[in-house]
């Protein structure tokens, strides 16, 4: 049913897609399922599927914020990951140099 007012048509349906989407994002929806493949009562493969549809605020509220630390999804996380790898690389280079230096001193006595 639609009501026309000054040439503008308004929907009077109570459950429009916008209302449903707003409710889903506000409350969140969880869809869970398992797929199991087996032969003669021997389980060969299990795939667990979990899908959560929620707003970012709702996801953070329930403790989901993995996208903030994933370097493939967040440029700040990628920069942090790169800095960490650079520091680790420098530390490993120092350790290698120290080991080579120690090995050189040991070889002089042999």
N, C-alpha and C. Protein backbone atom coordinates (compact mmCIF):
# COMPACT_ATOMS: atom_id res chain seq x y z
N UNK A 1 0.84 -1.16 0.00
CA UNK A 1 0.00 0.00 0.00
C UNK A 1 0.89 1.24 0.00
N UNK A 2 0.52 2.24 -0.74
CA UNK A 2 1.30 3.46 -0.81
C UNK A 2 0.38 4.66 -0.66
N UNK A 3 0.89 5.70 -0.03
CA UNK A 3 0.13 6.94 0.15
C UNK A 3 0.84 8.02 -0.65
N UNK A 4 0.07 8.74 -1.46
CA UNK A 4 0.67 9.78 -2.27
C UNK A 4 0.37 11.13 -1.63
N UNK A 5 1.41 11.93 -1.49
CA UNK A 5 1.27 13.23 -0.86
C UNK A 5 2.05 14.24 -1.70
N UNK A 6 1.35 15.14 -2.37
CA UNK A 6 1.98 16.16 -3.21
C UNK A 6 2.90 15.55 -4.26
N UNK A 7 2.48 14.46 -4.85
CA UNK A 7 3.25 13.84 -5.91
C UNK A 7 4.39 12.96 -5.42
N UNK A 8 4.58 12.82 -4.08
CA UNK A 8 5.62 11.96 -3.53
C UNK A 8 4.96 10.72 -2.96
N UNK A 9 5.47 9.57 -3.36
CA UNK A 9 4.89 8.32 -2.92
C UNK A 9 5.66 7.77 -1.72
N UNK A 10 4.97 7.40 -0.65
CA UNK A 10 5.59 6.86 0.55
C UNK A 10 5.08 5.45 0.78
N UNK A 11 5.99 4.55 1.13
CA UNK A 11 5.62 3.17 1.42
C UNK A 11 5.10 3.09 2.85
N UNK A 12 4.03 2.33 3.05
CA UNK A 12 3.49 2.14 4.40
C UNK A 12 3.77 0.73 4.91
N UNK A 13 4.56 -0.05 4.17
CA UNK A 13 4.91 -1.39 4.64
C UNK A 13 5.76 -1.27 5.89
N UNK A 14 5.48 -2.11 6.88
CA UNK A 14 6.19 -2.05 8.14
C UNK A 14 7.59 -2.65 8.09
N UNK A 15 7.78 -3.69 7.29
CA UNK A 15 9.05 -4.39 7.26
C UNK A 15 9.76 -4.18 5.93
N UNK A 16 10.24 -2.99 5.71
CA UNK A 16 11.00 -2.75 4.49
C UNK A 16 12.39 -3.33 4.66
N UNK A 17 13.11 -3.45 3.58
CA UNK A 17 14.47 -4.00 3.63
C UNK A 17 15.37 -3.13 4.50
N UNK A 18 15.12 -1.83 4.51
CA UNK A 18 15.91 -0.92 5.34
C UNK A 18 15.68 -1.22 6.81
N UNK A 19 14.43 -1.46 7.20
CA UNK A 19 14.11 -1.79 8.60
C UNK A 19 14.78 -3.10 9.01
N UNK A 20 14.71 -4.08 8.14
CA UNK A 20 15.32 -5.39 8.44
C UNK A 20 16.83 -5.23 8.56
N UNK A 21 17.45 -4.51 7.63
CA UNK A 21 18.89 -4.31 7.67
C UNK A 21 19.30 -3.54 8.92
N UNK A 22 18.54 -2.54 9.29
CA UNK A 22 18.84 -1.77 10.51
C UNK A 22 18.78 -2.67 11.74
N UNK A 23 17.78 -3.52 11.82
CA UNK A 23 17.66 -4.44 12.95
C UNK A 23 18.81 -5.43 12.98
N UNK A 24 19.16 -5.98 11.82
CA UNK A 24 20.25 -6.95 11.75
C UNK A 24 21.56 -6.31 12.18
N UNK A 25 21.85 -5.11 11.69
CA UNK A 25 23.10 -4.45 12.04
C UNK A 25 23.12 -4.00 13.49
N UNK A 26 21.96 -3.64 14.03
CA UNK A 26 21.89 -3.20 15.42
C UNK A 26 22.04 -4.37 16.38
N UNK A 27 21.36 -5.45 16.11
CA UNK A 27 21.36 -6.61 17.02
C UNK A 27 22.42 -7.64 16.64
N UNK A 28 22.64 -7.83 15.34
CA UNK A 28 23.58 -8.84 14.85
C UNK A 28 22.86 -10.15 14.58
N UNK A 29 23.42 -10.91 13.66
CA UNK A 29 22.88 -12.22 13.30
C UNK A 29 24.05 -13.19 13.22
N UNK A 30 23.88 -14.35 13.79
CA UNK A 30 24.91 -15.39 13.74
C UNK A 30 24.35 -16.57 12.97
N UNK A 31 25.12 -17.01 11.99
CA UNK A 31 24.76 -18.21 11.22
C UNK A 31 25.91 -19.18 11.42
N UNK A 32 25.61 -20.36 11.91
CA UNK A 32 26.66 -21.34 12.20
C UNK A 32 26.29 -22.67 11.59
N UNK A 33 27.31 -23.38 11.14
CA UNK A 33 27.07 -24.70 10.57
C UNK A 33 28.36 -25.49 10.50
N UNK A 34 28.23 -26.79 10.46
CA UNK A 34 29.38 -27.67 10.34
C UNK A 34 29.16 -28.58 9.14
N UNK A 35 30.24 -28.84 8.42
CA UNK A 35 30.21 -29.79 7.32
C UNK A 35 31.18 -30.90 7.70
N UNK A 36 30.69 -32.11 7.72
CA UNK A 36 31.54 -33.25 8.07
C UNK A 36 31.50 -34.27 6.95
N UNK A 37 32.68 -34.73 6.58
CA UNK A 37 32.81 -35.73 5.54
C UNK A 37 33.44 -36.96 6.17
N UNK A 38 32.79 -38.08 5.98
CA UNK A 38 33.31 -39.32 6.55
C UNK A 38 32.89 -40.52 5.75
N UNK A 39 33.62 -41.59 5.97
CA UNK A 39 33.31 -42.87 5.32
C UNK A 39 33.28 -43.94 6.40
N UNK A 40 32.21 -44.69 6.46
CA UNK A 40 32.05 -45.80 7.40
C UNK A 40 32.35 -45.35 8.83
N UNK A 41 31.69 -44.31 9.26
CA UNK A 41 31.82 -43.76 10.61
C UNK A 41 33.22 -43.25 10.94
N UNK A 42 34.06 -43.01 9.93
CA UNK A 42 35.39 -42.44 10.13
C UNK A 42 35.35 -41.01 9.57
N UNK A 43 35.51 -40.06 10.46
CA UNK A 43 35.45 -38.66 10.03
C UNK A 43 36.76 -38.29 9.33
N UNK A 44 36.65 -37.84 8.10
CA UNK A 44 37.82 -37.48 7.32
C UNK A 44 38.09 -35.98 7.31
N UNK A 45 37.02 -35.19 7.37
CA UNK A 45 37.17 -33.75 7.25
C UNK A 45 36.03 -33.06 7.97
N UNK A 46 36.34 -32.02 8.71
CA UNK A 46 35.32 -31.20 9.35
C UNK A 46 35.60 -29.74 9.01
N UNK A 47 34.60 -29.07 8.52
CA UNK A 47 34.70 -27.64 8.21
C UNK A 47 33.66 -26.92 9.06
N UNK A 48 34.11 -26.00 9.88
CA UNK A 48 33.20 -25.22 10.71
C UNK A 48 33.01 -23.86 10.05
N UNK A 49 31.78 -23.49 9.82
CA UNK A 49 31.46 -22.22 9.17
C UNK A 49 30.70 -21.36 10.16
N UNK A 50 31.21 -20.16 10.38
CA UNK A 50 30.58 -19.20 11.27
C UNK A 50 30.49 -17.88 10.54
N UNK A 51 29.32 -17.31 10.48
CA UNK A 51 29.11 -16.03 9.82
C UNK A 51 28.38 -15.12 10.79
N UNK A 52 28.96 -13.96 11.02
CA UNK A 52 28.33 -12.97 11.89
C UNK A 52 28.11 -11.72 11.07
N UNK A 53 26.88 -11.26 11.02
CA UNK A 53 26.54 -10.02 10.33
C UNK A 53 26.12 -9.03 11.40
N UNK A 54 26.91 -7.96 11.52
CA UNK A 54 26.62 -6.95 12.53
C UNK A 54 27.31 -5.65 12.13
N UNK A 55 26.94 -4.58 12.76
CA UNK A 55 27.62 -3.31 12.53
C UNK A 55 29.00 -3.37 13.17
N UNK A 56 29.88 -2.47 12.78
CA UNK A 56 31.22 -2.42 13.36
C UNK A 56 31.12 -2.16 14.87
N UNK A 57 30.25 -1.24 15.26
CA UNK A 57 30.09 -0.93 16.68
C UNK A 57 29.64 -2.16 17.47
N UNK A 58 28.68 -2.88 16.93
CA UNK A 58 28.17 -4.08 17.61
C UNK A 58 29.26 -5.15 17.67
N UNK A 59 30.02 -5.31 16.60
CA UNK A 59 31.09 -6.29 16.59
C UNK A 59 32.13 -5.96 17.65
N UNK A 60 32.51 -4.70 17.75
CA UNK A 60 33.48 -4.29 18.78
C UNK A 60 32.90 -4.52 20.17
N UNK A 61 31.60 -4.28 20.31
CA UNK A 61 30.94 -4.46 21.61
C UNK A 61 31.03 -5.91 22.08
N UNK A 62 30.97 -6.86 21.14
CA UNK A 62 31.03 -8.27 21.52
C UNK A 62 32.45 -8.82 21.45
N UNK A 63 33.43 -7.92 21.23
CA UNK A 63 34.82 -8.34 21.32
C UNK A 63 35.47 -8.74 20.00
N UNK A 64 34.84 -8.43 18.89
CA UNK A 64 35.43 -8.76 17.60
C UNK A 64 36.05 -7.50 17.01
N UNK A 65 37.37 -7.52 16.86
CA UNK A 65 38.05 -6.37 16.25
C UNK A 65 39.28 -6.82 15.48
N UNK A 66 39.26 -8.02 14.94
CA UNK A 66 40.41 -8.60 14.26
C UNK A 66 40.85 -7.79 13.06
N UNK A 67 39.97 -7.07 12.43
CA UNK A 67 40.32 -6.29 11.24
C UNK A 67 41.24 -5.12 11.58
N UNK A 68 41.27 -4.72 12.85
CA UNK A 68 42.13 -3.61 13.26
C UNK A 68 43.59 -4.02 13.34
N UNK A 69 43.86 -5.31 13.52
CA UNK A 69 45.23 -5.78 13.65
C UNK A 69 45.67 -6.63 12.47
N UNK A 70 44.82 -6.82 11.50
CA UNK A 70 45.16 -7.61 10.31
C UNK A 70 45.89 -6.72 9.31
N UNK A 71 47.17 -7.01 9.01
CA UNK A 71 47.93 -6.14 8.12
C UNK A 71 47.40 -6.10 6.69
N UNK A 72 46.60 -7.07 6.30
CA UNK A 72 46.03 -7.07 4.96
C UNK A 72 44.80 -6.17 4.86
N UNK A 73 44.23 -5.81 6.01
CA UNK A 73 43.02 -5.00 6.02
C UNK A 73 43.22 -3.61 6.60
N UNK A 74 44.32 -3.40 7.30
CA UNK A 74 44.52 -2.14 8.01
C UNK A 74 45.94 -1.64 7.74
N UNK A 75 46.06 -0.44 7.17
CA UNK A 75 47.38 0.09 6.82
C UNK A 75 48.23 0.36 8.06
N UNK A 76 47.62 0.78 9.15
CA UNK A 76 48.38 1.01 10.38
C UNK A 76 48.95 -0.31 10.92
N UNK A 77 48.15 -1.36 10.84
CA UNK A 77 48.64 -2.68 11.28
C UNK A 77 49.76 -3.16 10.36
N UNK A 78 49.65 -2.86 9.07
CA UNK A 78 50.71 -3.25 8.13
C UNK A 78 52.00 -2.53 8.45
N UNK A 79 51.90 -1.23 8.76
CA UNK A 79 53.09 -0.45 9.13
C UNK A 79 53.72 -1.01 10.41
N UNK A 80 52.88 -1.32 11.37
CA UNK A 80 53.36 -1.87 12.64
C UNK A 80 54.04 -3.22 12.41
N UNK A 81 53.44 -4.03 11.55
CA UNK A 81 54.01 -5.34 11.24
C UNK A 81 55.36 -5.17 10.55
N UNK A 82 55.46 -4.21 9.63
CA UNK A 82 56.72 -3.96 8.92
C UNK A 82 57.79 -3.49 9.89
N UNK A 83 57.45 -2.59 10.80
CA UNK A 83 58.41 -2.10 11.79
C UNK A 83 58.89 -3.25 12.68
N UNK A 84 57.96 -4.10 13.08
CA UNK A 84 58.32 -5.24 13.92
C UNK A 84 59.29 -6.16 13.18
N UNK A 85 59.00 -6.43 11.90
CA UNK A 85 59.87 -7.30 11.11
C UNK A 85 61.25 -6.68 10.91
N UNK A 86 61.29 -5.36 10.71
CA UNK A 86 62.58 -4.68 10.55
C UNK A 86 63.41 -4.77 11.83
N UNK A 87 62.76 -4.55 12.98
CA UNK A 87 63.47 -4.66 14.27
C UNK A 87 63.97 -6.08 14.50
N UNK A 88 63.14 -7.05 14.19
CA UNK A 88 63.53 -8.44 14.36
C UNK A 88 64.70 -8.78 13.43
N UNK A 89 64.67 -8.26 12.21
CA UNK A 89 65.74 -8.50 11.25
C UNK A 89 67.06 -7.91 11.76
N UNK A 90 67.01 -6.68 12.29
CA UNK A 90 68.22 -6.04 12.83
C UNK A 90 68.79 -6.86 14.00
N UNK A 91 67.91 -7.32 14.87
CA UNK A 91 68.34 -8.12 16.02
C UNK A 91 68.98 -9.43 15.56
N UNK A 92 68.40 -10.07 14.57
CA UNK A 92 68.97 -11.31 14.05
C UNK A 92 70.32 -11.07 13.37
N UNK A 93 70.44 -9.95 12.65
CA UNK A 93 71.72 -9.61 12.03
C UNK A 93 72.80 -9.40 13.09
N UNK A 94 72.46 -8.73 14.20
CA UNK A 94 73.42 -8.53 15.29
C UNK A 94 73.86 -9.87 15.88
N UNK A 95 72.88 -10.77 16.06
CA UNK A 95 73.20 -12.08 16.63
C UNK A 95 74.10 -12.88 15.69
N UNK A 96 73.84 -12.80 14.39
CA UNK A 96 74.68 -13.51 13.42
C UNK A 96 76.10 -12.96 13.45
N UNK A 97 76.21 -11.63 13.48
CA UNK A 97 77.53 -11.01 13.54
C UNK A 97 78.29 -11.45 14.79
N UNK A 98 77.58 -11.50 15.92
CA UNK A 98 78.21 -11.92 17.18
C UNK A 98 78.64 -13.39 17.10
N UNK A 99 77.80 -14.23 16.53
CA UNK A 99 78.15 -15.65 16.38
C UNK A 99 79.34 -15.82 15.44
N UNK A 100 79.37 -15.07 14.35
CA UNK A 100 80.50 -15.15 13.42
C UNK A 100 81.78 -14.66 14.10
N UNK A 101 81.66 -13.60 14.89
CA UNK A 101 82.82 -13.07 15.62
C UNK A 101 83.33 -14.11 16.61
N UNK A 102 82.42 -14.73 17.36
CA UNK A 102 82.80 -15.77 18.32
C UNK A 102 83.39 -16.98 17.62
N UNK A 103 82.84 -17.35 16.47
CA UNK A 103 83.36 -18.50 15.72
C UNK A 103 84.76 -18.20 15.20
N UNK A 104 85.01 -16.96 14.80
CA UNK A 104 86.34 -16.56 14.33
C UNK A 104 87.36 -16.62 15.45
N UNK A 105 86.99 -16.25 16.66
CA UNK A 105 87.90 -16.32 17.80
C UNK A 105 88.19 -17.77 18.16
N UNK A 106 87.20 -18.62 18.05
CA UNK A 106 87.38 -20.05 18.37
C UNK A 106 88.33 -20.69 17.37
N UNK A 107 88.21 -20.35 16.08
CA UNK A 107 89.05 -20.94 15.04
C UNK A 107 90.52 -20.55 15.20
N UNK A 108 90.82 -19.42 15.81
CA UNK A 108 92.21 -19.01 15.99
C UNK A 108 92.94 -19.91 16.97
N UNK A 109 92.22 -20.50 17.91
CA UNK A 109 92.85 -21.33 18.93
C UNK A 109 93.01 -22.77 18.47
N UNK A 110 92.37 -23.15 17.39
CA UNK A 110 92.43 -24.53 16.92
C UNK A 110 93.59 -24.79 16.04
